[in-house]
Amino acid sequence: MSNEGDFDFITEGVDVGIRVTDSPPLGLVARELFSVDFVVCASTSYLDTHGRRVHPGPKHRPHTRRAPK
């Protein structure tokens, strides 16, 4: 099962789960398994169209990939 956003392990009856978060939900036992590094990637065509940025600005239009439901 894959989910992005709010998910209640207790209500859903999940015994074991993995969540990437800085703040585990109250009422659950949490252990750090590993650290996660996030990267920002862009194709050459995206950069040709939108330019290279040092940080997101008002014209930044991110495209995100979500887990399938």
C-alpha atoms as a PDB file:
ATOM      1  CA  MET A   1       0.000   0.000   0.000  1.00  0.00           C
ATOM      2  CA  SER A   2       1.302   3.441  -0.842  1.00  0.00           C
ATOM      3  CA  ASN A   3      -0.171   6.721   0.305  1.00  0.00           C
ATOM      4  CA  GLU A   4       0.767  10.377   0.187  1.00  0.00           C
ATOM      5  CA  GLY A   5      -0.704  12.681   2.786  1.00  0.00           C
ATOM      6  CA  ASP A   6      -2.642  11.949   5.954  1.00  0.00           C
ATOM      7  CA  PHE A   7      -2.983   8.269   6.773  1.00  0.00           C
ATOM      8  CA  ASP A   8      -4.145   6.828  10.085  1.00  0.00           C
ATOM      9  CA  PHE A   9      -2.338   3.542  10.710  1.00  0.00           C
ATOM     10  CA  ILE A  10      -4.585   2.712  13.675  1.00  0.00           C
ATOM     11  CA  THR A  11      -7.909   3.375  11.912  1.00  0.00           C
ATOM     12  CA  GLU A  12      -6.734   1.478   8.825  1.00  0.00           C
ATOM     13  CA  GLY A  13      -5.653  -1.504  10.942  1.00  0.00           C
ATOM     14  CA  VAL A  14      -2.020  -1.426   9.819  1.00  0.00           C
ATOM     15  CA  ASP A  15       0.330  -3.354  12.127  1.00  0.00           C
ATOM     16  CA  VAL A  16       3.639  -2.241  10.572  1.00  0.00           C
ATOM     17  CA  GLY A  17       4.292   0.700   8.273  1.00  0.00           C
ATOM     18  CA  ILE A  18       7.044   2.970   7.027  1.00  0.00           C
ATOM     19  CA  ARG A  19       6.509   6.724   7.051  1.00  0.00           C
ATOM     20  CA  VAL A  20       8.994   9.369   5.918  1.00  0.00           C
ATOM     21  CA  THR A  21       8.508  12.221   8.387  1.00  0.00           C
ATOM     22  CA  ASP A  22      10.235  14.517  10.832  1.00  0.00           C
ATOM     23  CA  SER A  23       7.370  14.235  13.322  1.00  0.00           C
ATOM     24  CA  PRO A  24       5.843  10.798  13.951  1.00  0.00           C
ATOM     25  CA  PRO A  25       2.158  10.791  14.943  1.00  0.00           C
ATOM     26  CA  LEU A  26       1.293  10.690  18.628  1.00  0.00           C
ATOM     27  CA  GLY A  27       0.177   7.294  19.879  1.00  0.00           C
ATOM     28  CA  LEU A  28       2.508   5.291  17.628  1.00  0.00           C
ATOM     29  CA  VAL A  29       5.901   3.767  18.374  1.00  0.00           C
ATOM     30  CA  ALA A  30       8.447   5.137  15.903  1.00  0.00           C
ATOM     31  CA  ARG A  31      12.060   4.198  15.203  1.00  0.00           C
ATOM     32  CA  GLU A  32      14.464   5.826  12.770  1.00  0.00           C
ATOM     33  CA  LEU A  33      15.506   3.233  10.184  1.00  0.00           C
ATOM     34  CA  PHE A  34      17.577   5.424   7.873  1.00  0.00           C
ATOM     35  CA  SER A  35      17.957   9.026   6.733  1.00  0.00           C
ATOM     36  CA  VAL A  36      16.469  10.292   3.487  1.00  0.00           C
ATOM     37  CA  ASP A  37      18.017  12.920   1.225  1.00  0.00           C
ATOM     38  CA  PHE A  38      15.769  14.770  -1.193  1.00  0.00           C
ATOM     39  CA  VAL A  39      17.011  16.038  -4.543  1.00  0.00           C
ATOM     40  CA  VAL A  40      15.535  18.342  -7.141  1.00  0.00           C
ATOM     41  CA  CYS A  41      15.855  17.116 -10.723  1.00  0.00           C
ATOM     42  CA  ALA A  42      14.981  18.734 -14.049  1.00  0.00           C
ATOM     43  CA  SER A  43      15.213  17.604 -17.642  1.00  0.00           C
ATOM     44  CA  THR A  44      17.229  19.576 -20.182  1.00  0.00           C
ATOM     45  CA  SER A  45      14.034  20.547 -22.016  1.00  0.00           C
ATOM     46  CA  TYR A  46      12.470  21.871 -18.776  1.00  0.00           C
ATOM     47  CA  LEU A  47      15.565  23.978 -18.083  1.00  0.00           C
ATOM     48  CA  ASP A  48      15.604  25.231 -21.689  1.00  0.00           C
ATOM     49  CA  THR A  49      11.967  26.322 -21.347  1.00  0.00           C
ATOM     50  CA  HIS A  50      11.961  27.693 -17.791  1.00  0.00           C
ATOM     51  CA  GLY A  51      15.612  28.559 -17.183  1.00  0.00           C
ATOM     52  CA  ARG A  52      17.890  27.585 -14.333  1.00  0.00           C
ATOM     53  CA  ARG A  53      17.028  28.835 -10.864  1.00  0.00           C
ATOM     54  CA  VAL A  54      19.010  29.063  -7.658  1.00  0.00           C
ATOM     55  CA  HIS A  55      15.791  28.738  -5.631  1.00  0.00           C
ATOM     56  CA  PRO A  56      12.062  28.549  -6.458  1.00  0.00           C
ATOM     57  CA  GLY A  57      10.564  31.900  -7.357  1.00  0.00           C
ATOM     58  CA  PRO A  58       7.047  33.118  -8.159  1.00  0.00           C
ATOM     59  CA  LYS A  59       7.195  31.663 -11.692  1.00  0.00           C
ATOM     60  CA  HIS A  60       8.325  28.224 -10.510  1.00  0.00           C
ATOM     61  CA  ARG A  61       5.869  25.502 -11.527  1.00  0.00           C
ATOM     62  CA  PRO A  62       6.938  22.222  -9.936  1.00  0.00           C
ATOM     63  CA  HIS A  63       5.825  18.889 -11.298  1.00  0.00           C
ATOM     64  CA  THR A  64       5.590  16.248  -8.611  1.00  0.00           C
ATOM     65  CA  ARG A  65       5.200  12.531  -8.877  1.00  0.00           C
ATOM     66  CA  ARG A  66       2.686  10.993  -6.533  1.00  0.00           C
ATOM     67  CA  ALA A  67       2.401   7.391  -5.496  1.00  0.00           C
ATOM     68  CA  PRO A  68      -0.349   5.508  -7.377  1.00  0.00           C
ATOM     69  CA  LYS A  69      -3.541   4.860  -5.452  1.00  0.00           C
END
